């Protein structure tokens, strides 16, 4: 089943299509979350294409690709004379997307100083150009996307909580390719047809050996990595049978156990805790080694599912993590004394 360039039939993929069907007809703000290469912009375009706004513009902007000094004028526009070189006025992306959809990619990289302005536009549906003094009404449906942990950024004061709640009206979590069992053959066939047609070739056979290799690969770059691999394979193929360089698939990340940014962060914190004998606070504790305030490290450990250490159990400094995932202080234990807390990997 396919919607736009969405290809797949796995249970997780069908659940994704159901979510798109639910949110597309309404104007609710959508926050698309997923690893790099999972197809966040493709999902945003599919939502727009299935919405009542489909005949109106779909405008995309990558918040990480534009320097912070220019991002405000890109989003909201500017008036003549607003800065050196502004010889005329220019509308921003919000105005360009009027009556349509604006896709804010990499929203986690939006500078803190711009976040209140974005929040106001989302709430009021009005923009004010840089150097201007009047508000301009717009009618825009916003879809944002990120591969970052925005809630973790909120906890660390790197992202505004009010903006997070305003964006997270309808969250969609994209599964990584490694969790979409059965979708790889469909995606491979789709990409082979697409690139063969583009290159004027006829490729109508994929060997079982090749397909097995593709299905067993980890695909850390997800669909984007698979697409690029198939495009290279089509370029190299001279006959009707796809001839990829399977040796490329043998090059895996240094540790295949670390699959996401959260996994990598967790592994780094655990390694540091082991080096400090699971001591969090104090001048020689894990927080100091990681360059974090003690409270920030504890918040990260809560988010990553870390609780007390086996050694600390007898000291009764911390109880086990509760069902809500928060660290609980044992009866009679305080934050005083040495300022040392122990944790374990739950």
Protein backbone atom coordinates (compact mmCIF):
# COMPACT_ATOMS: atom_id res chain seq x y z
CA UNK A 1 0.00 0.00 0.00
CA UNK A 2 1.36 3.43 -0.82
CA UNK A 3 0.42 7.01 -0.05
CA UNK A 4 2.61 9.36 -2.07
CA UNK A 5 6.09 7.86 -1.57
CA UNK A 6 5.12 5.91 1.55
CA UNK A 7 5.74 2.25 0.77
CA UNK A 8 5.14 -0.70 3.09
CA UNK A 9 2.73 -3.24 4.53
CA UNK A 10 4.15 -4.07 7.97
CA UNK A 11 1.96 -3.59 11.08
CA UNK A 12 3.93 -0.51 12.14
CA UNK A 13 3.62 0.97 8.68
CA UNK A 14 -0.14 0.35 8.58
CA UNK A 15 -0.45 2.00 11.99
CA UNK A 16 1.38 5.01 10.55
CA UNK A 17 -1.06 5.20 7.64
CA UNK A 18 -3.97 5.10 10.10
CA UNK A 19 -2.50 8.06 11.98
CA UNK A 20 -2.10 10.01 8.75
CA UNK A 21 -5.71 9.27 7.83
CA UNK A 22 -6.87 10.51 11.24
CA UNK A 23 -4.98 13.79 11.35
CA UNK A 24 -4.96 14.83 7.67
CA UNK A 25 -8.58 16.14 7.48
CA UNK A 26 -8.16 18.45 10.50
CA UNK A 27 -5.90 21.44 11.07
CA UNK A 28 -4.19 20.18 14.24
CA UNK A 29 -0.45 20.81 14.51
CA UNK A 30 1.58 17.64 13.99
CA UNK A 31 4.98 16.77 15.45
CA UNK A 32 6.72 14.03 13.45
CA UNK A 33 9.50 12.31 15.39
CA UNK A 34 11.95 9.76 14.09
CA UNK A 35 15.56 8.90 13.38
CA UNK A 36 17.43 10.48 10.50
CA UNK A 37 16.30 9.02 7.17
CA UNK A 38 12.95 7.63 8.32
CA UNK A 39 10.97 9.85 5.94
CA UNK A 40 9.67 12.70 8.09
CA UNK A 41 9.20 15.11 5.17
CA UNK A 42 7.54 12.38 3.10
CA UNK A 43 5.03 11.89 5.92
CA UNK A 44 4.44 15.64 6.12
CA UNK A 45 3.76 15.78 2.38
CA UNK A 46 1.40 12.81 2.66
CA UNK A 47 -0.57 14.59 5.40
CA UNK A 48 -0.79 17.71 3.25
CA UNK A 49 -1.80 15.71 0.15
CA UNK A 50 -4.64 14.05 2.06
CA UNK A 51 -5.87 17.29 3.65
CA UNK A 52 -8.39 19.91 2.47
CA UNK A 53 -5.35 22.16 1.87
CA UNK A 54 -3.94 19.88 -0.83
CA UNK A 55 -4.51 22.45 -3.61
CA UNK A 56 -2.59 25.10 -1.67
CA UNK A 57 1.19 25.47 -1.14
CA UNK A 58 3.33 23.03 0.79
CA UNK A 59 6.32 25.03 2.01
CA UNK A 60 9.30 23.43 3.78
CA UNK A 61 12.13 24.99 5.74
CA UNK A 62 14.99 23.27 7.53
CA UNK A 63 15.65 25.13 10.78
CA UNK A 64 19.14 23.62 11.04
CA UNK A 65 20.25 24.59 7.54
CA UNK A 66 19.79 28.36 7.84
CA UNK A 67 22.04 30.54 10.03
CA UNK A 68 20.28 31.83 13.14
CA UNK A 69 20.77 35.44 12.04
CA UNK A 70 18.83 34.80 8.82
CA UNK A 71 16.20 32.37 10.08
CA UNK A 72 13.87 35.04 11.47
CA UNK A 73 13.63 36.85 8.14
CA UNK A 74 13.20 33.52 6.31
CA UNK A 75 10.29 32.55 8.53
CA UNK A 76 8.52 35.88 8.94
CA UNK A 77 9.84 38.06 6.09
CA UNK A 78 11.26 41.59 6.26
CA UNK A 79 10.43 45.15 5.29
CA UNK A 80 12.45 47.44 3.10
CA UNK A 81 15.32 48.95 5.08
CA UNK A 82 15.10 46.39 7.88
CA UNK A 83 18.82 45.72 7.43
CA UNK A 84 21.64 46.51 5.03
CA UNK A 85 20.75 45.13 1.63
CA UNK A 86 16.98 45.00 2.24
CA UNK A 87 16.09 47.18 -0.76
CA UNK A 88 12.52 45.87 -0.91
CA UNK A 89 10.15 43.93 1.31
CA UNK A 90 9.97 40.15 1.20
CA UNK A 91 7.37 37.77 2.53
CA UNK A 92 8.53 34.90 4.72
CA UNK A 93 7.72 31.22 4.63
CA UNK A 94 4.59 31.66 6.72
CA UNK A 95 3.10 34.03 4.18
CA UNK A 96 4.24 31.82 1.32
CA UNK A 97 2.36 28.92 2.95
CA UNK A 98 -0.84 30.92 3.51
CA UNK A 99 -3.91 28.63 3.24
CA UNK A 100 -1.50 25.70 2.88
CA UNK A 101 0.99 23.78 5.02
CA UNK A 102 4.32 24.86 6.48
CA UNK A 103 6.78 22.07 7.29
CA UNK A 104 9.33 23.03 9.96
CA UNK A 105 12.06 20.42 9.71
CA UNK A 106 14.69 20.01 12.47
CA UNK A 107 12.56 22.11 14.83
CA UNK A 108 14.85 21.20 17.72
CA UNK A 109 17.51 23.44 16.17
CA UNK A 110 15.31 26.54 16.28
CA UNK A 111 17.24 29.16 18.31
CA UNK A 112 15.80 29.91 21.74
CA UNK A 113 15.41 33.60 20.92
CA UNK A 114 13.07 32.77 18.00
CA UNK A 115 10.92 30.31 19.88
CA UNK A 116 8.62 32.93 21.53
CA UNK A 117 8.01 34.52 18.11
CA UNK A 118 7.11 31.16 16.59
CA UNK A 119 4.81 30.42 19.52
CA UNK A 120 2.97 33.70 18.98
CA UNK A 121 2.46 32.99 15.28
CA UNK A 122 1.11 29.52 16.08
CA UNK A 123 -1.28 30.93 18.65
CA UNK A 124 -2.42 34.08 16.87
CA UNK A 125 -1.96 33.08 13.20
CA UNK A 126 -0.32 36.45 12.66
CA UNK A 127 3.21 37.32 11.53
CA UNK A 128 5.17 40.52 11.83
CA UNK A 129 7.92 41.09 9.29
CA UNK A 130 11.39 41.98 10.47
CA UNK A 131 11.51 45.77 10.63
CA UNK A 132 7.74 46.01 10.36
CA UNK A 133 5.16 47.38 12.79
CA UNK A 134 1.93 45.73 11.65
CA UNK A 135 0.65 42.19 12.01
CA UNK A 136 -0.27 40.19 8.93
CA UNK A 137 -2.95 37.53 9.22
CA UNK A 138 -2.06 34.08 7.89
CA UNK A 139 -3.89 30.77 7.70
CA UNK A 140 -1.25 28.05 7.94
CA UNK A 141 -1.28 24.44 9.06
CA UNK A 142 2.07 23.62 10.72
CA UNK A 143 3.83 20.25 10.70
CA UNK A 144 7.12 20.10 12.61
CA UNK A 145 9.71 17.33 12.64
CA UNK A 146 12.72 16.38 14.71
CA UNK A 147 15.13 13.53 15.38
CA UNK A 148 15.91 14.96 18.81
CA UNK A 149 14.36 14.33 22.21
CA UNK A 150 12.44 17.59 22.55
CA UNK A 151 11.07 16.72 25.99
CA UNK A 152 14.61 16.09 27.20
CA UNK A 153 15.59 19.47 25.75
CA UNK A 154 12.71 21.07 27.65
CA UNK A 155 13.99 19.50 30.88
CA UNK A 156 17.43 20.93 30.17
CA UNK A 157 16.04 24.41 29.31
CA UNK A 158 17.14 24.11 25.69
CA UNK A 159 13.60 24.22 24.29
CA UNK A 160 10.58 26.14 25.56
CA UNK A 161 7.96 24.03 27.27
CA UNK A 162 5.06 26.16 25.98
CA UNK A 163 6.26 25.79 22.39
CA UNK A 164 6.75 22.05 22.87
CA UNK A 165 3.15 21.62 24.04
CA UNK A 166 1.89 23.80 21.18
CA UNK A 167 3.72 21.66 18.61
CA UNK A 168 3.00 18.29 20.22
CA UNK A 169 -0.76 18.36 19.59
CA UNK A 170 -0.70 15.22 17.44
CA UNK A 171 2.63 13.35 17.70
CA UNK A 172 3.58 10.79 15.06
CA UNK A 173 6.52 8.50 15.82
CA UNK A 174 8.17 7.00 12.74
CA UNK A 175 9.60 3.50 13.23
CA UNK A 176 13.17 2.91 12.04
CA UNK A 177 13.56 0.65 9.02
CA UNK A 178 14.99 -2.17 11.15
CA UNK A 179 11.60 -2.39 12.95
CA UNK A 180 9.53 -2.57 9.76
CA UNK A 181 9.63 -6.31 9.16
CA UNK A 182 8.69 -7.21 5.60
CA UNK A 183 8.84 -3.67 4.18
CA UNK A 184 12.36 -3.86 2.74
CA UNK A 185 11.43 -5.99 -0.33
CA UNK A 186 8.64 -3.54 -1.19
CA UNK A 187 10.93 -0.55 -0.79
CA UNK A 188 13.71 -2.19 -2.81
CA UNK A 189 11.35 -2.97 -5.69
CA UNK A 190 10.00 0.58 -5.60
CA UNK A 191 13.46 2.16 -5.69
CA UNK A 192 14.73 -0.18 -8.42
CA UNK A 193 11.78 0.73 -10.67
CA UNK A 194 12.17 4.42 -9.89
CA UNK A 195 15.89 4.68 -10.62
CA UNK A 196 15.88 2.24 -13.54
CA UNK A 197 13.21 4.34 -15.25
CA UNK A 198 15.12 7.52 -14.50
CA UNK A 199 18.31 6.06 -15.99
CA UNK A 200 16.58 4.45 -18.98
CA UNK A 201 17.32 0.89 -17.88
CA UNK A 202 15.26 -2.30 -17.60
CA UNK A 203 15.95 -4.21 -14.38
CA UNK A 204 13.40 -6.87 -13.60
CA UNK A 205 15.24 -9.33 -11.36
CA UNK A 206 16.65 -9.20 -7.82
CA UNK A 207 18.36 -12.37 -6.62
CA UNK A 208 17.44 -14.07 -3.36
CA UNK A 209 21.02 -13.60 -2.15
CA UNK A 210 20.81 -9.85 -2.66
CA UNK A 211 17.39 -9.55 -1.03
CA UNK A 212 18.51 -11.60 2.00
CA UNK A 213 21.54 -9.36 2.41
CA UNK A 214 19.37 -6.25 2.22
CA UNK A 215 16.88 -7.61 4.75
CA UNK A 216 19.58 -8.59 7.23
CA UNK A 217 21.39 -5.23 7.12
CA UNK A 218 20.93 -2.86 10.09
CA UNK A 219 20.31 0.28 7.96
CA UNK A 220 21.40 2.94 10.48
CA UNK A 221 20.55 5.58 7.87
CA UNK A 222 17.10 4.05 7.42
CA UNK A 223 15.14 4.57 4.19
CA UNK A 224 17.47 7.28 2.94
CA UNK A 225 20.44 4.91 3.20
CA UNK A 226 18.52 2.13 1.45
CA UNK A 227 17.43 4.50 -1.33
CA UNK A 228 20.99 5.71 -1.92
CA UNK A 229 22.30 2.14 -1.94
CA UNK A 230 19.75 1.05 -4.55
CA UNK A 231 20.47 4.10 -6.71
CA UNK A 232 24.17 3.19 -6.74
CA UNK A 233 23.29 -0.41 -7.54
CA UNK A 234 21.14 0.65 -10.50
CA UNK A 235 23.96 2.85 -11.80
CA UNK A 236 26.36 -0.12 -11.71
CA UNK A 237 23.93 -2.64 -13.22
CA UNK A 238 24.29 -3.30 -16.96
CA UNK A 239 21.81 -6.14 -17.42
CA UNK A 240 18.36 -7.13 -16.24
CA UNK A 241 19.58 -8.42 -12.84
CA UNK A 242 20.36 -5.93 -10.08
CA UNK A 243 24.11 -6.03 -9.31
CA UNK A 244 24.83 -4.15 -6.07
CA UNK A 245 28.12 -4.12 -4.20
CA UNK A 246 27.10 -6.22 -1.20
CA UNK A 247 30.49 -5.62 0.38
CA UNK A 248 29.28 -2.14 1.31
CA UNK A 249 26.74 -3.71 3.64
CA UNK A 250 29.48 -5.35 5.68
CA UNK A 251 30.60 -1.95 6.95
CA UNK A 252 28.56 -1.52 10.13
CA UNK A 253 28.79 1.13 12.83
CA UNK A 254 31.51 0.60 15.43
CA UNK A 255 28.90 -0.76 17.85
CA UNK A 256 25.72 -2.20 16.42
CA UNK A 257 24.23 -2.26 19.91
CA UNK A 258 23.98 1.53 19.95
CA UNK A 259 21.10 2.13 17.56
CA UNK A 260 19.71 5.54 18.44
CA UNK A 261 20.92 8.82 19.90
CA UNK A 262 19.18 7.89 23.15
CA UNK A 263 21.04 4.56 23.19
CA UNK A 264 24.34 6.32 22.61
CA UNK A 265 23.62 8.84 25.37
CA UNK A 266 22.61 6.07 27.75
CA UNK A 267 25.75 4.05 26.99
CA UNK A 268 27.97 7.09 27.57
CA UNK A 269 26.31 7.91 30.90
CA UNK A 270 26.49 4.28 32.06
CA UNK A 271 30.19 4.09 31.16
CA UNK A 272 30.89 7.26 33.16
CA UNK A 273 28.87 5.99 36.13
CA UNK A 274 30.88 2.78 36.12
CA UNK A 275 34.10 4.81 36.14
CA UNK A 276 32.88 6.70 39.24
CA UNK A 277 31.57 3.57 40.99
CA UNK A 278 28.02 4.83 40.29
CA UNK A 279 28.52 8.06 42.20
CA UNK A 280 26.51 10.92 40.67
CA UNK A 281 27.34 14.02 42.74
CA UNK A 282 30.50 15.44 44.25
CA UNK A 283 33.69 16.75 42.63
CA UNK A 284 34.65 13.28 41.38
CA UNK A 285 31.13 12.12 40.50
CA UNK A 286 29.67 11.34 37.10
CA UNK A 287 27.94 14.73 36.80
CA UNK A 288 31.26 16.57 37.16
CA UNK A 289 32.95 14.28 34.62
CA UNK A 290 30.16 14.81 32.14
CA UNK A 291 30.17 18.57 32.66
CA UNK A 292 26.55 18.60 33.84
CA UNK A 293 24.78 19.92 36.93
CA UNK A 294 23.88 17.04 39.25
CA UNK A 295 20.16 17.70 38.83
CA UNK A 296 20.45 17.67 35.03
CA UNK A 297 22.23 14.31 35.09
CA UNK A 298 19.58 12.85 37.41
CA UNK A 299 16.86 14.12 35.05
CA UNK A 300 18.59 12.46 32.10
CA UNK A 301 18.98 9.21 34.02
CA UNK A 302 15.27 9.23 34.84
CA UNK A 303 14.43 9.78 31.18
CA UNK A 304 16.78 6.98 30.09
CA UNK A 305 15.53 4.47 32.66
CA UNK A 306 18.52 4.46 35.02
CA UNK A 307 18.00 3.84 38.74
CA UNK A 308 20.18 2.77 41.68
CA UNK A 309 23.34 0.67 41.67
CA UNK A 310 23.55 -2.78 43.27
CA UNK A 311 26.17 -1.41 45.65
CA UNK A 312 23.86 1.37 46.75
CA UNK A 313 21.04 -1.03 47.57
CA UNK A 314 22.58 -1.97 50.91
CA UNK A 315 23.14 1.71 51.72
CA UNK A 316 19.44 2.41 51.03
CA UNK A 317 20.24 5.73 49.36
CA UNK A 318 17.74 5.22 46.51
CA UNK A 319 14.74 3.02 46.01
CA UNK A 320 14.09 1.31 42.68
CA UNK A 321 12.57 3.29 39.86
CA UNK A 322 8.80 3.35 40.18
CA UNK A 323 6.27 2.69 37.45
CA UNK A 324 6.45 6.33 36.42
CA UNK A 325 10.17 6.00 35.75
CA UNK A 326 11.21 8.52 38.43
CA UNK A 327 13.93 7.98 41.02
CA UNK A 328 12.52 7.88 44.53
CA UNK A 329 14.52 8.72 47.66
CA UNK A 330 14.66 6.00 50.33
CA UNK A 331 13.19 6.72 53.73
CA UNK A 332 15.65 8.51 55.96
CA UNK A 333 18.04 9.41 53.11
CA UNK A 334 18.76 13.02 52.31
CA UNK A 335 20.66 15.15 49.88
CA UNK A 336 23.13 16.24 52.54
CA UNK A 337 26.26 14.55 53.74
CA UNK A 338 28.72 13.81 50.98
CA UNK A 339 26.31 14.71 48.21
CA UNK A 340 26.93 11.32 46.62
CA UNK A 341 24.10 9.35 45.01
CA UNK A 342 24.29 5.88 43.51
CA UNK A 343 22.35 4.50 40.58
CA UNK A 344 22.09 1.31 38.64
CA UNK A 345 21.10 0.49 35.08
CA UNK A 346 17.50 -0.65 35.10
